[in-house]
């Protein structure tokens, strides 16, 4: 089960900040984070989430092309654009886990970011 967002502006800012931190890490050579951003971005591109939010499908051919495009875009232009797109689409879908703890940052709910930032 998934819920719709109804959090504070600080909670939304925390998710956006974590995506921006991922973009910075990817730009600084963190290949694991770069791959995560590429995968999540490609899931948005290759899904039909705007047409059917309940049974979103993934077009595998489109997904494979999107992965190549995301990798190229991240390497050439930086990962900020991927992170910004992911944030914008996530905000539009505005879905979170049951209980409201984690934001869905992909159309399927398999990639999550908490609405809070852990204090180090």
N, C-alpha and C. Protein backbone atom coordinates (compact mmCIF):
# COMPACT_ATOMS: atom_id res chain seq x y z
N UNK A 1 0.84 -1.17 0.00
CA UNK A 1 0.00 0.00 0.00
C UNK A 1 0.89 1.24 0.00
N UNK A 2 0.46 2.25 -0.68
CA UNK A 2 1.20 3.51 -0.74
C UNK A 2 0.30 4.65 -0.30
N UNK A 3 0.91 5.68 0.19
CA UNK A 3 0.20 6.87 0.61
C UNK A 3 0.58 8.04 -0.27
N UNK A 4 -0.25 9.07 -0.24
CA UNK A 4 0.07 10.32 -0.91
C UNK A 4 0.82 11.21 0.07
N UNK A 5 1.66 12.09 -0.46
CA UNK A 5 2.44 12.98 0.38
C UNK A 5 1.54 13.95 1.13
N UNK A 6 1.84 14.17 2.39
CA UNK A 6 1.24 15.25 3.17
C UNK A 6 2.22 15.56 4.31
N UNK A 7 3.38 16.04 3.92
CA UNK A 7 4.47 16.30 4.85
C UNK A 7 4.75 17.80 4.93
N UNK A 8 5.71 18.16 5.76
CA UNK A 8 6.11 19.56 5.88
C UNK A 8 7.03 19.94 4.72
N UNK A 9 7.17 21.22 4.51
CA UNK A 9 8.10 21.70 3.49
C UNK A 9 9.53 21.26 3.80
N UNK A 10 9.86 21.15 5.08
CA UNK A 10 11.19 20.70 5.48
C UNK A 10 11.42 19.25 5.05
N UNK A 11 10.38 18.43 5.14
CA UNK A 11 10.49 17.03 4.73
C UNK A 11 10.74 16.93 3.23
N UNK A 12 10.02 17.73 2.46
CA UNK A 12 10.24 17.72 1.01
C UNK A 12 11.64 18.23 0.67
N UNK A 13 12.07 19.26 1.38
CA UNK A 13 13.41 19.81 1.15
C UNK A 13 14.48 18.77 1.49
N UNK A 14 14.22 17.93 2.49
CA UNK A 14 15.19 16.89 2.85
C UNK A 14 15.35 15.87 1.73
N UNK A 15 14.26 15.50 1.08
CA UNK A 15 14.35 14.56 -0.05
C UNK A 15 15.11 15.21 -1.20
N UNK A 16 14.76 16.44 -1.52
CA UNK A 16 15.44 17.14 -2.61
C UNK A 16 16.93 17.29 -2.30
N UNK A 17 17.26 17.61 -1.06
CA UNK A 17 18.66 17.76 -0.66
C UNK A 17 19.42 16.44 -0.82
N UNK A 18 18.79 15.34 -0.45
CA UNK A 18 19.44 14.04 -0.59
C UNK A 18 19.68 13.69 -2.06
N UNK A 19 18.74 14.05 -2.93
CA UNK A 19 18.95 13.83 -4.36
C UNK A 19 20.11 14.69 -4.87
N UNK A 20 20.16 15.94 -4.42
CA UNK A 20 21.26 16.83 -4.82
C UNK A 20 22.60 16.31 -4.30
N UNK A 21 22.60 15.76 -3.08
CA UNK A 21 23.83 15.16 -2.54
C UNK A 21 24.27 13.98 -3.40
N UNK A 22 23.32 13.20 -3.88
CA UNK A 22 23.65 12.08 -4.76
C UNK A 22 24.26 12.60 -6.07
N UNK A 23 23.70 13.68 -6.61
CA UNK A 23 24.25 14.26 -7.84
C UNK A 23 25.69 14.72 -7.62
N UNK A 24 25.93 15.37 -6.49
CA UNK A 24 27.29 15.83 -6.18
C UNK A 24 28.25 14.66 -6.04
N UNK A 25 27.81 13.61 -5.37
CA UNK A 25 28.66 12.42 -5.21
C UNK A 25 28.97 11.79 -6.56
N UNK A 26 27.95 11.70 -7.41
CA UNK A 26 28.16 11.13 -8.76
C UNK A 26 29.12 11.99 -9.56
N UNK A 27 28.97 13.30 -9.47
CA UNK A 27 29.88 14.20 -10.19
C UNK A 27 31.31 14.09 -9.69
N UNK A 28 31.47 13.65 -8.44
CA UNK A 28 32.80 13.51 -7.84
C UNK A 28 33.33 12.08 -7.93
N UNK A 29 32.73 11.28 -8.80
CA UNK A 29 33.30 9.97 -9.09
C UNK A 29 32.68 8.78 -8.39
N UNK A 30 31.62 8.95 -7.62
CA UNK A 30 30.97 7.82 -6.96
C UNK A 30 30.13 7.06 -8.00
N UNK A 31 30.68 5.98 -8.52
CA UNK A 31 30.02 5.26 -9.62
C UNK A 31 28.75 4.55 -9.17
N UNK A 32 28.71 4.10 -7.91
CA UNK A 32 27.50 3.44 -7.40
C UNK A 32 26.32 4.41 -7.37
N UNK A 33 26.57 5.61 -6.90
CA UNK A 33 25.52 6.63 -6.85
C UNK A 33 25.14 7.08 -8.27
N UNK A 34 26.12 7.22 -9.14
CA UNK A 34 25.84 7.59 -10.53
C UNK A 34 24.93 6.55 -11.17
N UNK A 35 25.23 5.29 -10.96
CA UNK A 35 24.41 4.21 -11.52
C UNK A 35 22.99 4.25 -10.94
N UNK A 36 22.87 4.54 -9.64
CA UNK A 36 21.55 4.65 -9.00
C UNK A 36 20.73 5.74 -9.67
N UNK A 37 21.33 6.92 -9.86
CA UNK A 37 20.62 8.02 -10.52
C UNK A 37 20.23 7.66 -11.95
N UNK A 38 21.12 7.01 -12.66
CA UNK A 38 20.83 6.61 -14.05
C UNK A 38 19.67 5.62 -14.10
N UNK A 39 19.65 4.67 -13.19
CA UNK A 39 18.58 3.67 -13.16
C UNK A 39 17.25 4.31 -12.82
N UNK A 40 17.22 5.12 -11.78
CA UNK A 40 15.97 5.75 -11.36
C UNK A 40 15.44 6.67 -12.45
N UNK A 41 16.31 7.48 -13.03
CA UNK A 41 15.90 8.40 -14.10
C UNK A 41 15.32 7.61 -15.27
N UNK A 42 15.97 6.51 -15.61
CA UNK A 42 15.53 5.68 -16.74
C UNK A 42 14.19 5.01 -16.46
N UNK A 43 13.94 4.64 -15.22
CA UNK A 43 12.64 4.06 -14.88
C UNK A 43 11.52 5.07 -15.12
N UNK A 44 11.76 6.32 -14.77
CA UNK A 44 10.75 7.35 -15.04
C UNK A 44 10.51 7.50 -16.54
N UNK A 45 11.58 7.57 -17.31
CA UNK A 45 11.47 7.77 -18.75
C UNK A 45 10.75 6.60 -19.41
N UNK A 46 11.03 5.39 -18.98
CA UNK A 46 10.53 4.20 -19.65
C UNK A 46 9.20 3.69 -19.11
N UNK A 47 8.60 4.41 -18.18
CA UNK A 47 7.31 3.96 -17.63
C UNK A 47 6.17 4.82 -18.17
N UNK A 48 4.97 4.31 -17.95
CA UNK A 48 3.77 5.06 -18.37
C UNK A 48 3.04 5.61 -17.14
N UNK A 49 3.79 6.09 -16.16
CA UNK A 49 3.24 6.48 -14.87
C UNK A 49 2.21 7.60 -14.96
N UNK A 50 2.32 8.47 -15.92
CA UNK A 50 1.33 9.56 -16.03
C UNK A 50 -0.01 9.04 -16.55
N UNK A 51 0.02 7.98 -17.34
CA UNK A 51 -1.20 7.43 -17.92
C UNK A 51 -1.91 6.48 -16.96
N UNK A 52 -1.16 5.73 -16.17
CA UNK A 52 -1.76 4.73 -15.29
C UNK A 52 -0.92 4.60 -14.03
N UNK A 53 -1.32 5.30 -13.00
CA UNK A 53 -0.53 5.31 -11.77
C UNK A 53 -0.71 4.05 -10.94
N UNK A 54 -1.70 3.24 -11.26
CA UNK A 54 -1.95 2.03 -10.47
C UNK A 54 -1.14 0.85 -10.98
N UNK A 55 -1.13 0.65 -12.28
CA UNK A 55 -0.43 -0.50 -12.86
C UNK A 55 0.61 -0.02 -13.87
N UNK A 56 1.50 0.82 -13.41
CA UNK A 56 2.55 1.37 -14.26
C UNK A 56 3.38 0.25 -14.88
N UNK A 57 3.59 0.33 -16.18
CA UNK A 57 4.41 -0.65 -16.88
C UNK A 57 5.75 -0.03 -17.26
N UNK A 58 6.73 -0.89 -17.44
CA UNK A 58 8.07 -0.47 -17.86
C UNK A 58 8.34 -1.03 -19.24
N UNK A 59 8.64 -0.14 -20.18
CA UNK A 59 9.01 -0.53 -21.54
C UNK A 59 10.50 -0.84 -21.52
N UNK A 60 10.86 -2.12 -21.60
CA UNK A 60 12.26 -2.53 -21.45
C UNK A 60 13.18 -1.97 -22.53
N UNK A 61 12.70 -1.89 -23.76
CA UNK A 61 13.53 -1.32 -24.83
C UNK A 61 13.79 0.16 -24.56
N UNK A 62 12.75 0.86 -24.16
CA UNK A 62 12.90 2.28 -23.84
C UNK A 62 13.82 2.46 -22.62
N UNK A 63 13.72 1.54 -21.68
CA UNK A 63 14.56 1.58 -20.49
C UNK A 63 16.04 1.44 -20.86
N UNK A 64 16.36 0.49 -21.72
CA UNK A 64 17.75 0.29 -22.13
C UNK A 64 18.30 1.53 -22.84
N UNK A 65 17.49 2.13 -23.71
CA UNK A 65 17.92 3.36 -24.40
C UNK A 65 18.08 4.50 -23.39
N UNK A 66 17.17 4.55 -22.43
CA UNK A 66 17.22 5.61 -21.42
C UNK A 66 18.46 5.50 -20.54
N UNK A 67 18.86 4.27 -20.22
CA UNK A 67 20.08 4.08 -19.43
C UNK A 67 21.30 4.66 -20.14
N UNK A 68 21.41 4.38 -21.43
CA UNK A 68 22.53 4.92 -22.20
C UNK A 68 22.48 6.44 -22.24
N UNK A 69 21.28 6.98 -22.42
CA UNK A 69 21.10 8.43 -22.46
C UNK A 69 21.44 9.07 -21.11
N UNK A 70 21.00 8.44 -20.03
CA UNK A 70 21.26 8.97 -18.68
C UNK A 70 22.76 8.97 -18.39
N UNK A 71 23.43 7.90 -18.75
CA UNK A 71 24.88 7.80 -18.52
C UNK A 71 25.61 8.88 -19.31
N UNK A 72 25.24 9.05 -20.57
CA UNK A 72 25.88 10.06 -21.41
C UNK A 72 25.61 11.46 -20.84
N UNK A 73 24.37 11.72 -20.48
CA UNK A 73 24.00 13.03 -19.96
C UNK A 73 24.73 13.32 -18.65
N UNK A 74 24.79 12.33 -17.76
CA UNK A 74 25.49 12.51 -16.49
C UNK A 74 26.97 12.79 -16.69
N UNK A 75 27.59 12.03 -17.57
CA UNK A 75 29.03 12.20 -17.82
C UNK A 75 29.35 13.51 -18.50
N UNK A 76 28.52 13.93 -19.44
CA UNK A 76 28.82 15.14 -20.21
C UNK A 76 28.35 16.42 -19.54
N UNK A 77 27.19 16.38 -18.89
CA UNK A 77 26.58 17.60 -18.35
C UNK A 77 26.52 17.64 -16.83
N UNK A 78 26.85 16.54 -16.19
CA UNK A 78 26.72 16.46 -14.73
C UNK A 78 25.40 15.82 -14.34
N UNK A 79 25.35 15.35 -13.12
CA UNK A 79 24.19 14.59 -12.66
C UNK A 79 23.09 15.45 -12.03
N UNK A 80 23.29 16.77 -11.98
CA UNK A 80 22.27 17.64 -11.40
C UNK A 80 20.95 17.56 -12.14
N UNK A 81 21.02 17.47 -13.47
CA UNK A 81 19.79 17.41 -14.28
C UNK A 81 19.01 16.13 -13.99
N UNK A 82 19.71 15.00 -13.87
CA UNK A 82 19.02 13.75 -13.54
C UNK A 82 18.34 13.88 -12.18
N UNK A 83 19.06 14.41 -11.20
CA UNK A 83 18.50 14.56 -9.85
C UNK A 83 17.30 15.50 -9.86
N UNK A 84 17.40 16.60 -10.61
CA UNK A 84 16.29 17.56 -10.68
C UNK A 84 15.06 16.93 -11.35
N UNK A 85 15.28 16.18 -12.42
CA UNK A 85 14.16 15.50 -13.07
C UNK A 85 13.51 14.50 -12.13
N UNK A 86 14.32 13.71 -11.44
CA UNK A 86 13.79 12.72 -10.50
C UNK A 86 12.96 13.42 -9.43
N UNK A 87 13.47 14.54 -8.91
CA UNK A 87 12.72 15.29 -7.89
C UNK A 87 11.40 15.80 -8.46
N UNK A 88 11.43 16.38 -9.64
CA UNK A 88 10.20 16.92 -10.23
C UNK A 88 9.15 15.84 -10.46
N UNK A 89 9.57 14.71 -11.01
CA UNK A 89 8.62 13.62 -11.26
C UNK A 89 8.11 13.02 -9.96
N UNK A 90 9.00 12.86 -8.98
CA UNK A 90 8.60 12.33 -7.67
C UNK A 90 7.58 13.26 -7.02
N UNK A 91 7.81 14.56 -7.13
CA UNK A 91 6.88 15.54 -6.57
C UNK A 91 5.52 15.46 -7.23
N UNK A 92 5.53 15.25 -8.53
CA UNK A 92 4.26 15.14 -9.26
C UNK A 92 3.51 13.87 -8.87
N UNK A 93 4.21 12.77 -8.77
CA UNK A 93 3.58 11.51 -8.36
C UNK A 93 3.18 11.57 -6.89
N UNK A 94 3.99 12.19 -6.07
CA UNK A 94 3.78 12.42 -4.63
C UNK A 94 3.26 11.19 -3.89
N UNK A 95 4.04 10.12 -3.98
CA UNK A 95 3.68 8.87 -3.32
C UNK A 95 4.78 8.50 -2.34
N UNK A 96 4.36 7.89 -1.23
CA UNK A 96 5.32 7.48 -0.21
C UNK A 96 4.92 6.13 0.37
N UNK A 97 5.80 5.60 1.18
CA UNK A 97 5.53 4.31 1.82
C UNK A 97 4.39 4.44 2.82
N UNK A 98 3.80 3.31 3.13
CA UNK A 98 2.76 3.25 4.14
C UNK A 98 3.35 3.73 5.46
N UNK A 99 2.78 4.75 6.03
CA UNK A 99 3.33 5.37 7.22
C UNK A 99 3.99 6.70 6.93
N UNK A 100 4.29 6.94 5.65
CA UNK A 100 4.84 8.22 5.24
C UNK A 100 6.31 8.43 5.53
N UNK A 101 7.06 7.35 5.75
CA UNK A 101 8.46 7.50 6.13
C UNK A 101 9.38 7.81 4.96
N UNK A 102 9.13 7.18 3.81
CA UNK A 102 10.03 7.30 2.67
C UNK A 102 9.29 7.74 1.42
N UNK A 103 9.90 8.65 0.68
CA UNK A 103 9.34 9.10 -0.60
C UNK A 103 9.70 8.11 -1.69
N UNK A 104 8.73 7.82 -2.54
CA UNK A 104 9.03 7.06 -3.75
C UNK A 104 9.76 8.01 -4.68
N UNK A 105 10.95 7.64 -5.13
CA UNK A 105 11.65 8.47 -6.11
C UNK A 105 11.76 7.76 -7.45
N UNK A 106 10.96 6.72 -7.62
CA UNK A 106 10.78 6.07 -8.91
C UNK A 106 9.29 5.75 -9.02
N UNK A 107 8.79 5.48 -10.20
CA UNK A 107 7.34 5.27 -10.36
C UNK A 107 6.84 3.95 -9.77
N UNK A 108 7.73 3.07 -9.35
CA UNK A 108 7.33 1.74 -8.89
C UNK A 108 7.45 1.57 -7.38
N UNK A 109 8.10 2.50 -6.70
CA UNK A 109 8.26 2.41 -5.26
C UNK A 109 9.40 1.52 -4.81
N UNK A 110 10.30 1.18 -5.72
CA UNK A 110 11.44 0.33 -5.35
C UNK A 110 12.67 1.17 -4.98
N UNK A 111 12.68 2.43 -5.33
CA UNK A 111 13.76 3.35 -4.94
C UNK A 111 13.15 4.40 -4.02
N UNK A 112 13.66 4.45 -2.81
CA UNK A 112 13.08 5.28 -1.77
C UNK A 112 14.13 6.20 -1.16
N UNK A 113 13.66 7.35 -0.69
CA UNK A 113 14.51 8.27 0.07
C UNK A 113 13.69 8.72 1.27
N UNK A 114 14.29 8.68 2.48
CA UNK A 114 13.55 9.09 3.67
C UNK A 114 13.25 10.59 3.66
N UNK A 115 12.14 10.94 4.31
CA UNK A 115 11.77 12.34 4.41
C UNK A 115 12.58 13.09 5.47
N UNK A 116 13.49 12.41 6.14
CA UNK A 116 14.34 13.06 7.13
C UNK A 116 15.79 12.79 6.80
N UNK A 117 16.65 13.68 7.26
CA UNK A 117 18.08 13.51 7.07
C UNK A 117 18.67 13.07 8.40
N UNK A 118 19.44 11.99 8.37
CA UNK A 118 20.09 11.49 9.58
C UNK A 118 21.16 12.47 10.03
N UNK A 119 21.22 12.72 11.32
CA UNK A 119 22.26 13.57 11.89
C UNK A 119 23.51 12.73 12.06
N UNK A 120 24.63 13.22 11.55
CA UNK A 120 25.89 12.45 11.64
C UNK A 120 26.66 12.81 12.89
